[in-house]
Amino acid sequence: MYGLNIMKKKIEKCCICGATPLSRDVVGINKKLRSPKIDQFYCLACLADYIGVDVETILAKIEQFKEEGCTLFA
């Protein structure tokens, strides 16, 4: 179409259970807790299992990071 290059947003899915789509917050918490350079992500349940906490703890950390102004959660 007249040389327009429209980029589609990549829909992330959990690399363990396949849950999709993962929200920006879930992708952000994966990068914050695991590594900013990762390209495979866990859903909240799989991430909680991976790091040995409950989902509520991860949700609380997301809110904490948002309040601190972390750009991964903007």
PDB file of N, CA and C in Angstrom:
ATOM      1  N   MET A   1       0.818  -1.178   0.000  1.00  0.00           N
ATOM      2  CA  MET A   1       0.000   0.000   0.000  1.00  0.00           C
ATOM      3  C   MET A   1       0.861   1.240   0.000  1.00  0.00           C
ATOM      4  N   TYR A   2       1.276   1.698  -1.100  1.00  0.00           N
ATOM      5  CA  TYR A   2       2.035   2.926  -1.249  1.00  0.00           C
ATOM      6  C   TYR A   2       3.283   2.985  -0.387  1.00  0.00           C
ATOM      7  N   GLY A   3       3.922   1.869  -0.145  1.00  0.00           N
ATOM      8  CA  GLY A   3       5.185   1.835   0.570  1.00  0.00           C
ATOM      9  C   GLY A   3       5.074   2.015   2.070  1.00  0.00           C
ATOM     10  N   LEU A   4       3.877   1.950   2.618  1.00  0.00           N
ATOM     11  CA  LEU A   4       3.737   2.079   4.072  1.00  0.00           C
ATOM     12  C   LEU A   4       4.148   0.781   4.739  1.00  0.00           C
ATOM     13  N   ASN A   5       4.989   0.900   5.717  1.00  0.00           N
ATOM     14  CA  ASN A   5       5.429  -0.270   6.468  1.00  0.00           C
ATOM     15  C   ASN A   5       4.776  -0.221   7.837  1.00  0.00           C
ATOM     16  N   ILE A   6       3.701  -0.950   7.996  1.00  0.00           N
ATOM     17  CA  ILE A   6       2.988  -0.983   9.264  1.00  0.00           C
ATOM     18  C   ILE A   6       3.482  -2.188  10.056  1.00  0.00           C
ATOM     19  N   MET A   7       4.083  -1.896  11.210  1.00  0.00           N
ATOM     20  CA  MET A   7       4.612  -2.976  12.048  1.00  0.00           C
ATOM     21  C   MET A   7       3.503  -3.512  12.944  1.00  0.00           C
ATOM     22  N   LYS A   8       3.411  -4.812  13.017  1.00  0.00           N
ATOM     23  CA  LYS A   8       2.445  -5.441  13.903  1.00  0.00           C
ATOM     24  C   LYS A   8       3.102  -5.693  15.252  1.00  0.00           C
ATOM     25  N   LYS A   9       2.328  -5.473  16.311  1.00  0.00           N
ATOM     26  CA  LYS A   9       2.823  -5.718  17.655  1.00  0.00           C
ATOM     27  C   LYS A   9       2.936  -7.218  17.878  1.00  0.00           C
ATOM     28  N   LYS A  10       4.087  -7.651  18.383  1.00  0.00           N
ATOM     29  CA  LYS A  10       4.296  -9.059  18.661  1.00  0.00           C
ATOM     30  C   LYS A  10       3.486  -9.460  19.893  1.00  0.00           C
ATOM     31  N   ILE A  11       2.734 -10.516  19.788  1.00  0.00           N
ATOM     32  CA  ILE A  11       1.962 -11.019  20.915  1.00  0.00           C
ATOM     33  C   ILE A  11       2.802 -12.071  21.622  1.00  0.00           C
ATOM     34  N   GLU A  12       3.164 -11.764  22.853  1.00  0.00           N
ATOM     35  CA  GLU A  12       3.980 -12.687  23.635  1.00  0.00           C
ATOM     36  C   GLU A  12       3.116 -13.767  24.260  1.00  0.00           C
ATOM     37  N   LYS A  13       3.701 -14.972  24.384  1.00  0.00           N
ATOM     38  CA  LYS A  13       3.009 -16.069  25.056  1.00  0.00           C
ATOM     39  C   LYS A  13       3.965 -16.736  26.030  1.00  0.00           C
ATOM     40  N   CYS A  14       3.414 -17.427  26.999  1.00  0.00           N
ATOM     41  CA  CYS A  14       4.212 -18.120  28.008  1.00  0.00           C
ATOM     42  C   CYS A  14       4.990 -19.258  27.355  1.00  0.00           C
ATOM     43  N   CYS A  15       6.290 -19.301  27.623  1.00  0.00           N
ATOM     44  CA  CYS A  15       7.134 -20.343  27.029  1.00  0.00           C
ATOM     45  C   CYS A  15       6.958 -21.689  27.729  1.00  0.00           C
ATOM     46  N   ILE A  16       6.238 -21.711  28.843  1.00  0.00           N
ATOM     47  CA  ILE A  16       5.997 -22.976  29.553  1.00  0.00           C
ATOM     48  C   ILE A  16       4.621 -23.548  29.203  1.00  0.00           C
ATOM     49  N   CYS A  17       3.561 -22.771  29.473  1.00  0.00           N
ATOM     50  CA  CYS A  17       2.199 -23.301  29.291  1.00  0.00           C
ATOM     51  C   CYS A  17       1.515 -22.801  28.026  1.00  0.00           C
ATOM     52  N   GLY A  18       2.089 -21.802  27.364  1.00  0.00           N
ATOM     53  CA  GLY A  18       1.517 -21.286  26.133  1.00  0.00           C
ATOM     54  C   GLY A  18       0.433 -20.241  26.318  1.00  0.00           C
ATOM     55  N   ALA A  19       0.174 -19.807  27.562  1.00  0.00           N
ATOM     56  CA  ALA A  19      -0.846 -18.782  27.807  1.00  0.00           C
ATOM     57  C   ALA A  19      -0.542 -17.541  26.975  1.00  0.00           C
ATOM     58  N   THR A  20      -1.577 -16.975  26.390  1.00  0.00           N
ATOM     59  CA  THR A  20      -1.415 -15.796  25.544  1.00  0.00           C
ATOM     60  C   THR A  20      -2.679 -14.962  25.598  1.00  0.00           C
ATOM     61  N   PRO A  21      -2.643 -13.691  25.391  1.00  0.00           N
ATOM     62  CA  PRO A  21      -1.444 -12.851  25.310  1.00  0.00           C
ATOM     63  C   PRO A  21      -0.960 -12.483  26.712  1.00  0.00           C
ATOM     64  N   LEU A  22       0.304 -12.166  26.808  1.00  0.00           N
ATOM     65  CA  LEU A  22       0.857 -11.696  28.072  1.00  0.00           C
ATOM     66  C   LEU A  22       0.796 -10.169  28.071  1.00  0.00           C
ATOM     67  N   SER A  23       0.347  -9.606  29.175  1.00  0.00           N
ATOM     68  CA  SER A  23       0.214  -8.153  29.264  1.00  0.00           C
ATOM     69  C   SER A  23       1.589  -7.488  29.340  1.00  0.00           C
ATOM     70  N   ARG A  24       1.587  -6.186  29.134  1.00  0.00           N
ATOM     71  CA  ARG A  24       2.826  -5.407  29.244  1.00  0.00           C
ATOM     72  C   ARG A  24       3.427  -5.550  30.640  1.00  0.00           C
ATOM     73  N   ASP A  25       2.575  -5.587  31.665  1.00  0.00           N
ATOM     74  CA  ASP A  25       3.061  -5.743  33.034  1.00  0.00           C
ATOM     75  C   ASP A  25       3.729  -7.096  33.246  1.00  0.00           C
ATOM     76  N   VAL A  26       3.163  -8.143  32.664  1.00  0.00           N
ATOM     77  CA  VAL A  26       3.740  -9.485  32.809  1.00  0.00           C
ATOM     78  C   VAL A  26       5.084  -9.568  32.080  1.00  0.00           C
ATOM     79  N   VAL A  27       5.161  -9.004  30.898  1.00  0.00           N
ATOM     80  CA  VAL A  27       6.436  -8.961  30.175  1.00  0.00           C
ATOM     81  C   VAL A  27       7.444  -8.139  30.982  1.00  0.00           C
ATOM     82  N   GLY A  28       6.990  -7.017  31.534  1.00  0.00           N
ATOM     83  CA  GLY A  28       7.866  -6.159  32.323  1.00  0.00           C
ATOM     84  C   GLY A  28       8.413  -6.839  33.561  1.00  0.00           C
ATOM     85  N   ILE A  29       7.566  -7.566  34.279  1.00  0.00           N
ATOM     86  CA  ILE A  29       8.034  -8.224  35.508  1.00  0.00           C
ATOM     87  C   ILE A  29       8.995  -9.359  35.175  1.00  0.00           C
ATOM     88  N   ASN A  30       8.790 -10.020  34.043  1.00  0.00           N
ATOM     89  CA  ASN A  30       9.753 -11.034  33.596  1.00  0.00           C
ATOM     90  C   ASN A  30      11.119 -10.396  33.383  1.00  0.00           C
ATOM     91  N   LYS A  31      11.142  -9.254  32.688  1.00  0.00           N
ATOM     92  CA  LYS A  31      12.407  -8.574  32.422  1.00  0.00           C
ATOM     93  C   LYS A  31      13.036  -8.054  33.711  1.00  0.00           C
ATOM     94  N   LYS A  32      12.219  -7.539  34.616  1.00  0.00           N
ATOM     95  CA  LYS A  32      12.723  -6.977  35.871  1.00  0.00           C
ATOM     96  C   LYS A  32      13.318  -8.074  36.759  1.00  0.00           C
ATOM     97  N   LEU A  33      12.656  -9.211  36.861  1.00  0.00           N
ATOM     98  CA  LEU A  33      13.091 -10.260  37.776  1.00  0.00           C
ATOM     99  C   LEU A  33      14.085 -11.247  37.164  1.00  0.00           C
ATOM    100  N   ARG A  34      14.044 -11.410  35.845  1.00  0.00           N
ATOM    101  CA  ARG A  34      14.918 -12.393  35.207  1.00  0.00           C
ATOM    102  C   ARG A  34      16.087 -11.734  34.487  1.00  0.00           C
ATOM    103  N   SER A  35      15.814 -10.917  33.493  1.00  0.00           N
ATOM    104  CA  SER A  35      16.856 -10.211  32.748  1.00  0.00           C
ATOM    105  C   SER A  35      16.192  -9.311  31.720  1.00  0.00           C
ATOM    106  N   PRO A  36      16.697  -8.106  31.539  1.00  0.00           N
ATOM    107  CA  PRO A  36      16.096  -7.226  30.528  1.00  0.00           C
ATOM    108  C   PRO A  36      16.319  -7.706  29.093  1.00  0.00           C
ATOM    109  N   LYS A  37      17.203  -8.666  28.900  1.00  0.00           N
ATOM    110  CA  LYS A  37      17.540  -9.127  27.552  1.00  0.00           C
ATOM    111  C   LYS A  37      16.806 -10.394  27.123  1.00  0.00           C
ATOM    112  N   ILE A  38      15.919 -10.915  27.964  1.00  0.00           N
ATOM    113  CA  ILE A  38      15.230 -12.163  27.620  1.00  0.00           C
ATOM    114  C   ILE A  38      14.271 -11.967  26.452  1.00  0.00           C
ATOM    115  N   ASP A  39      13.999 -13.051  25.753  1.00  0.00           N
ATOM    116  CA  ASP A  39      13.016 -12.994  24.679  1.00  0.00           C
ATOM    117  C   ASP A  39      11.956 -14.082  24.817  1.00  0.00           C
ATOM    118  N   GLN A  40      12.015 -14.827  25.916  1.00  0.00           N
ATOM    119  CA  GLN A  40      10.974 -15.799  26.251  1.00  0.00           C
ATOM    120  C   GLN A  40      10.451 -15.434  27.635  1.00  0.00           C
ATOM    121  N   PHE A  41       9.129 -15.492  27.768  1.00  0.00           N
ATOM    122  CA  PHE A  41       8.487 -15.003  28.974  1.00  0.00           C
ATOM    123  C   PHE A  41       7.601 -16.067  29.603  1.00  0.00           C
ATOM    124  N   TYR A  42       7.386 -15.929  30.926  1.00  0.00           N
ATOM    125  CA  TYR A  42       6.472 -16.784  31.676  1.00  0.00           C
ATOM    126  C   TYR A  42       5.195 -16.009  31.991  1.00  0.00           C
ATOM    127  N   CYS A  43       4.055 -16.690  32.012  1.00  0.00           N
ATOM    128  CA  CYS A  43       2.836 -16.077  32.527  1.00  0.00           C
ATOM    129  C   CYS A  43       3.018 -15.918  34.040  1.00  0.00           C
ATOM    130  N   LEU A  44       2.090 -15.244  34.698  1.00  0.00           N
ATOM    131  CA  LEU A  44       2.239 -15.013  36.142  1.00  0.00           C
ATOM    132  C   LEU A  44       2.341 -16.314  36.934  1.00  0.00           C
ATOM    133  N   ALA A  45       1.503 -17.287  36.599  1.00  0.00           N
ATOM    134  CA  ALA A  45       1.513 -18.555  37.343  1.00  0.00           C
ATOM    135  C   ALA A  45       2.833 -19.295  37.163  1.00  0.00           C
ATOM    136  N   CYS A  46       3.322 -19.366  35.942  1.00  0.00           N
ATOM    137  CA  CYS A  46       4.583 -20.066  35.678  1.00  0.00           C
ATOM    138  C   CYS A  46       5.772 -19.306  36.257  1.00  0.00           C
ATOM    139  N   LEU A  47       5.734 -17.969  36.209  1.00  0.00           N
ATOM    140  CA  LEU A  47       6.798 -17.164  36.807  1.00  0.00           C
ATOM    141  C   LEU A  47       6.826 -17.352  38.318  1.00  0.00           C
ATOM    142  N   ALA A  48       5.655 -17.364  38.940  1.00  0.00           N
ATOM    143  CA  ALA A  48       5.577 -17.582  40.387  1.00  0.00           C
ATOM    144  C   ALA A  48       6.172 -18.941  40.760  1.00  0.00           C
ATOM    145  N   ASP A  49       5.833 -19.954  39.992  1.00  0.00           N
ATOM    146  CA  ASP A  49       6.378 -21.285  40.235  1.00  0.00           C
ATOM    147  C   ASP A  49       7.895 -21.296  40.037  1.00  0.00           C
ATOM    148  N   TYR A  50       8.372 -20.633  39.002  1.00  0.00           N
ATOM    149  CA  TYR A  50       9.795 -20.580  38.667  1.00  0.00           C
ATOM    150  C   TYR A  50      10.620 -19.935  39.780  1.00  0.00           C
ATOM    151  N   ILE A  51      10.098 -18.837  40.361  1.00  0.00           N
ATOM    152  CA  ILE A  51      10.883 -18.159  41.397  1.00  0.00           C
ATOM    153  C   ILE A  51      10.473 -18.545  42.814  1.00  0.00           C
ATOM    154  N   GLY A  52       9.439 -19.379  42.947  1.00  0.00           N
ATOM    155  CA  GLY A  52       9.071 -19.924  44.252  1.00  0.00           C
ATOM    156  C   GLY A  52       8.277 -18.990  45.155  1.00  0.00           C
ATOM    157  N   VAL A  53       7.394 -18.190  44.544  1.00  0.00           N
ATOM    158  CA  VAL A  53       6.507 -17.319  45.320  1.00  0.00           C
ATOM    159  C   VAL A  53       5.087 -17.491  44.792  1.00  0.00           C
ATOM    160  N   ASP A  54       4.117 -16.808  45.446  1.00  0.00           N
ATOM    161  CA  ASP A  54       2.755 -16.873  44.922  1.00  0.00           C
ATOM    162  C   ASP A  54       2.489 -15.700  43.984  1.00  0.00           C
ATOM    163  N   VAL A  55       1.441 -15.821  43.206  1.00  0.00           N
ATOM    164  CA  VAL A  55       1.093 -14.812  42.205  1.00  0.00           C
ATOM    165  C   VAL A  55       0.835 -13.460  42.869  1.00  0.00           C
ATOM    166  N   GLU A  56       0.213 -13.467  44.045  1.00  0.00           N
ATOM    167  CA  GLU A  56      -0.084 -12.216  44.752  1.00  0.00           C
ATOM    168  C   GLU A  56       1.191 -11.440  45.067  1.00  0.00           C
ATOM    169  N   THR A  57       2.262 -12.136  45.394  1.00  0.00           N
ATOM    170  CA  THR A  57       3.542 -11.482  45.670  1.00  0.00           C
ATOM    171  C   THR A  57       4.059 -10.786  44.415  1.00  0.00           C
ATOM    172  N   ILE A  58       3.936 -11.441  43.274  1.00  0.00           N
ATOM    173  CA  ILE A  58       4.387 -10.834  42.015  1.00  0.00           C
ATOM    174  C   ILE A  58       3.534  -9.617  41.676  1.00  0.00           C
ATOM    175  N   LEU A  59       2.225  -9.716  41.855  1.00  0.00           N
ATOM    176  CA  LEU A  59       1.352  -8.579  41.586  1.00  0.00           C
ATOM    177  C   LEU A  59       1.694  -7.394  42.484  1.00  0.00           C
ATOM    178  N   ALA A  60       2.025  -7.668  43.744  1.00  0.00           N
ATOM    179  CA  ALA A  60       2.424  -6.602  44.667  1.00  0.00           C
ATOM    180  C   ALA A  60       3.728  -5.951  44.204  1.00  0.00           C
ATOM    181  N   LYS A  61       4.663  -6.757  43.709  1.00  0.00           N
ATOM    182  CA  LYS A  61       5.926  -6.203  43.202  1.00  0.00           C
ATOM    183  C   LYS A  61       5.692  -5.337  41.967  1.00  0.00           C
ATOM    184  N   ILE A  62       4.788  -5.755  41.100  1.00  0.00           N
ATOM    185  CA  ILE A  62       4.460  -4.952  39.926  1.00  0.00           C
ATOM    186  C   ILE A  62       3.963  -3.580  40.369  1.00  0.00           C
ATOM    187  N   GLU A  63       3.050  -3.555  41.323  1.00  0.00           N
ATOM    188  CA  GLU A  63       2.524  -2.279  41.821  1.00  0.00           C
ATOM    189  C   GLU A  63       3.631  -1.443  42.462  1.00  0.00           C
ATOM    190  N   GLN A  64       4.508  -2.091  43.211  1.00  0.00           N
ATOM    191  CA  GLN A  64       5.629  -1.385  43.830  1.00  0.00           C
ATOM    192  C   GLN A  64       6.520  -0.746  42.769  1.00  0.00           C
ATOM    193  N   PHE A  65       6.868  -1.501  41.733  1.00  0.00           N
ATOM    194  CA  PHE A  65       7.727  -0.981  40.673  1.00  0.00           C
ATOM    195  C   PHE A  65       7.044   0.157  39.908  1.00  0.00           C
ATOM    196  N   LYS A  66       5.726   0.058  39.705  1.00  0.00           N
ATOM    197  CA  LYS A  66       4.981   1.133  39.055  1.00  0.00           C
ATOM    198  C   LYS A  66       5.070   2.413  39.886  1.00  0.00           C
ATOM    199  N   GLU A  67       4.849   2.270  41.197  1.00  0.00           N
ATOM    200  CA  GLU A  67       4.902   3.422  42.086  1.00  0.00           C
ATOM    201  C   GLU A  67       6.287   4.054  42.123  1.00  0.00           C
ATOM    202  N   GLU A  68       7.316   3.224  41.939  1.00  0.00           N
ATOM    203  CA  GLU A  68       8.696   3.728  41.919  1.00  0.00           C
ATOM    204  C   GLU A  68       9.049   4.378  40.585  1.00  0.00           C
ATOM    205  N   GLY A  69       8.159   4.236  39.591  1.00  0.00           N
ATOM    206  CA  GLY A  69       8.385   4.856  38.295  1.00  0.00           C
ATOM    207  C   GLY A  69       9.188   4.028  37.313  1.00  0.00           C
ATOM    208  N   CYS A  70       9.291   2.730  37.536  1.00  0.00           N
ATOM    209  CA  CYS A  70      10.022   1.860  36.619  1.00  0.00           C
ATOM    210  C   CYS A  70       9.403   1.929  35.220  1.00  0.00           C
ATOM    211  N   THR A  71      10.217   2.187  34.227  1.00  0.00           N
ATOM    212  CA  THR A  71       9.720   2.362  32.860  1.00  0.00           C
ATOM    213  C   THR A  71       9.246   1.064  32.203  1.00  0.00           C
ATOM    214  N   LEU A  72       9.547  -0.069  32.790  1.00  0.00           N
ATOM    215  CA  LEU A  72       9.043  -1.330  32.247  1.00  0.00           C
ATOM    216  C   LEU A  72       7.529  -1.454  32.441  1.00  0.00           C
ATOM    217  N   PHE A  73       6.979  -0.634  33.329  1.00  0.00           N
ATOM    218  CA  PHE A  73       5.552  -0.712  33.662  1.00  0.00           C
ATOM    219  C   PHE A  73       4.817   0.581  33.342  1.00  0.00           C
ATOM    220  N   ALA A  74       5.372   1.398  32.469  1.00  0.00           N
ATOM    221  CA  ALA A  74       4.756   2.704  32.139  1.00  0.00           C
ATOM    222  C   ALA A  74       3.543   2.535  31.262  1.00  0.00           C
TER     223      ALA A  74
END
